[in-house]
Every structure is written in structure tokens, then in C-alpha cells.
């Protein structure tokens, strides 16, 4: 197929061809947050089962350390971002916000709301 390609542009878009924009960032974050969300939910479920059976928080020293704060922040960010990304897809399915400017604004709002929401959720989960 490459021998029949007579266009000067590459066959597939590459990062050298495309410039970064918020919609591209939110698309990549959506894929990454899906994997992180599943891992976070599995870890929380295992931790709750352990807590239910023993009455103690598993790895309590790690959970309440700065590394635990970062882990909760990342997990909550992924969950909140996934919810907003699914809402964005529902909005797109209705034919709204498909213009690049509106899409980019919606992407920035999704990221900002995810950061603010995950900060609040992390503080609540850590008992602050």
C-alpha cells in the first residue's frame, strides 16, 4: 500500500505533524484514566475487604503518607475525569460542542473540574 501512496503527507498523523491542543490532551487523558480507574477501584475494593475482615486499614503507614495522598489524588482524578469524559461523549452524541473552539473549552473545563474535585475528594478521604 505504501508504494501506491503519492501524497506528500505521512500516511498516519504523527506528533510532529499535529500540534497539541486541549481536545487531544483530554482524549489521551481519557484513555489513561480508564486504566487508572480500574486499578484504583480494584485496590479500594481489596482494601475495603481487608478492613472488613481485620478491622485495620491495610498498609496504614503508606496510605496516610505523602505517597498515599498522591495515589488518592491520581485515583480520584481518574475517576472524576472518566465521569466527565463519558458525559462529554453523551453531549457529542446529541450533536453539541463539536466545534473545535467549544470542544477545547470543554476539555479545559473537564481538566480543571477533575483537579479541583480530586483535591477535595483526597482531603475528605484523608480526613482533613
Protein backbone atom coordinates (compact mmCIF):
# COMPACT_ATOMS: atom_id res chain seq x y z
CA UNK A 1 0.00 0.00 0.00
CA UNK A 2 2.89 2.36 0.74
CA UNK A 3 4.15 2.02 -2.82
CA UNK A 4 0.83 3.43 -4.12
CA UNK A 5 0.89 6.38 -1.70
CA UNK A 6 1.56 9.54 -3.73
CA UNK A 7 0.60 12.17 -1.17
CA UNK A 8 3.42 14.17 0.40
CA UNK A 9 1.79 13.98 3.82
CA UNK A 10 2.50 10.97 6.04
CA UNK A 11 0.08 8.04 5.94
CA UNK A 12 -0.73 8.39 9.62
CA UNK A 13 -0.70 11.57 11.70
CA UNK A 14 2.28 11.87 14.00
CA UNK A 15 3.05 14.21 16.87
CA UNK A 16 5.48 16.02 14.57
CA UNK A 17 2.59 16.86 12.22
CA UNK A 18 -0.15 17.69 14.71
CA UNK A 19 0.18 20.46 17.24
CA UNK A 20 -1.07 19.83 20.75
CA UNK A 21 -4.49 21.15 21.69
CA UNK A 22 -6.78 20.62 24.70
CA UNK A 23 -9.07 18.13 22.96
CA UNK A 24 -6.07 15.94 22.11
CA UNK A 25 -4.88 16.13 25.72
CA UNK A 26 -8.31 15.19 27.07
CA UNK A 27 -8.54 12.28 24.64
CA UNK A 28 -5.20 10.92 25.85
CA UNK A 29 -6.16 11.55 29.49
CA UNK A 30 -9.43 9.68 28.88
CA UNK A 31 -7.54 6.56 27.79
CA UNK A 32 -5.04 6.77 30.64
CA UNK A 33 -7.71 7.47 33.24
CA UNK A 34 -9.66 4.39 32.18
CA UNK A 35 -6.74 2.13 33.13
CA UNK A 36 -6.02 4.04 36.35
CA UNK A 37 -9.72 3.99 37.33
CA UNK A 38 -9.93 0.22 37.12
CA UNK A 39 -6.71 -0.23 39.10
CA UNK A 40 -7.87 2.31 41.71
CA UNK A 41 -11.27 0.67 42.13
CA UNK A 42 -9.72 -2.79 42.48
CA UNK A 43 -7.27 -1.54 45.12
CA UNK A 44 -10.04 0.23 47.04
CA UNK A 45 -12.22 -2.90 46.90
CA UNK A 46 -9.39 -5.11 48.17
CA UNK A 47 -8.62 -2.58 50.91
CA UNK A 48 -12.27 -2.48 52.00
CA UNK A 49 -12.44 -6.29 52.09
CA UNK A 50 -9.27 -6.38 54.19
CA UNK A 51 -10.68 -3.71 56.51
CA UNK A 52 -13.95 -5.60 56.85
CA UNK A 53 -12.20 -8.85 57.80
CA UNK A 54 -9.47 -7.46 60.10
CA UNK A 55 -10.76 -4.08 61.27
CA UNK A 56 -7.44 -2.45 60.33
CA UNK A 57 -6.54 -0.26 57.36
CA UNK A 58 -4.11 -2.17 55.11
CA UNK A 59 -0.69 -0.52 54.86
CA UNK A 60 -1.87 2.31 57.11
CA UNK A 61 1.53 3.98 57.20
CA UNK A 62 1.68 4.10 53.41
CA UNK A 63 -1.92 5.19 52.95
CA UNK A 64 -1.51 8.25 55.19
CA UNK A 65 1.94 9.18 53.84
CA UNK A 66 2.59 11.75 51.09
CA UNK A 67 2.75 8.85 48.62
CA UNK A 68 -0.74 7.82 49.73
CA UNK A 69 -2.00 11.36 49.17
CA UNK A 70 -0.59 11.31 45.65
CA UNK A 71 -2.15 7.90 44.99
CA UNK A 72 -5.57 9.04 46.17
CA UNK A 73 -5.30 12.26 44.15
CA UNK A 74 -4.41 10.37 40.96
CA UNK A 75 -7.14 7.79 41.55
CA UNK A 76 -9.81 10.38 42.24
CA UNK A 77 -8.67 12.45 39.26
CA UNK A 78 -9.01 9.42 37.01
CA UNK A 79 -12.49 8.56 38.31
CA UNK A 80 -13.81 12.13 38.06
CA UNK A 81 -12.25 12.62 34.63
CA UNK A 82 -13.80 9.37 33.39
CA UNK A 83 -17.25 10.53 34.50
CA UNK A 84 -16.79 13.88 32.76
CA UNK A 85 -15.42 12.23 29.62
CA UNK A 86 -18.45 9.96 29.41
CA UNK A 87 -20.69 13.00 29.88
CA UNK A 88 -18.79 14.76 27.09
CA UNK A 89 -19.40 11.79 24.77
CA UNK A 90 -23.11 11.91 25.60
CA UNK A 91 -23.12 15.62 24.72
CA UNK A 92 -21.31 14.91 21.46
CA UNK A 93 -23.83 12.18 20.62
CA UNK A 94 -26.53 14.86 20.76
CA UNK A 95 -24.52 16.92 18.24
CA UNK A 96 -23.39 19.69 20.61
CA UNK A 97 -19.95 21.23 21.23
CA UNK A 98 -18.40 19.64 18.15
CA UNK A 99 -16.77 22.89 17.02
CA UNK A 100 -13.01 22.97 17.81
CA UNK A 101 -13.19 26.11 20.00
CA UNK A 102 -16.09 24.79 22.08
CA UNK A 103 -14.50 21.36 22.30
CA UNK A 104 -11.21 22.85 23.53
CA UNK A 105 -13.00 24.93 26.16
CA UNK A 106 -14.93 21.89 27.33
CA UNK A 107 -11.66 19.96 27.58
CA UNK A 108 -10.07 22.65 29.79
CA UNK A 109 -13.17 22.72 32.00
CA UNK A 110 -13.07 18.92 32.35
CA UNK A 111 -9.43 19.01 33.42
CA UNK A 112 -9.99 21.89 35.87
CA UNK A 113 -13.07 20.29 37.44
CA UNK A 114 -11.20 16.99 37.75
CA UNK A 115 -8.27 18.62 39.52
CA UNK A 116 -10.48 20.60 41.92
CA UNK A 117 -12.74 17.63 42.58
CA UNK A 118 -9.85 15.26 43.20
CA UNK A 119 -8.20 17.71 45.63
CA UNK A 120 -11.46 17.94 47.59
CA UNK A 121 -12.03 14.18 47.48
CA UNK A 122 -8.45 13.48 48.60
CA UNK A 123 -8.81 15.82 51.57
CA UNK A 124 -12.09 14.17 52.52
CA UNK A 125 -10.66 10.65 52.14
CA UNK A 126 -7.63 11.52 54.26
CA UNK A 127 -9.77 13.03 57.00
CA UNK A 128 -8.53 16.60 56.72
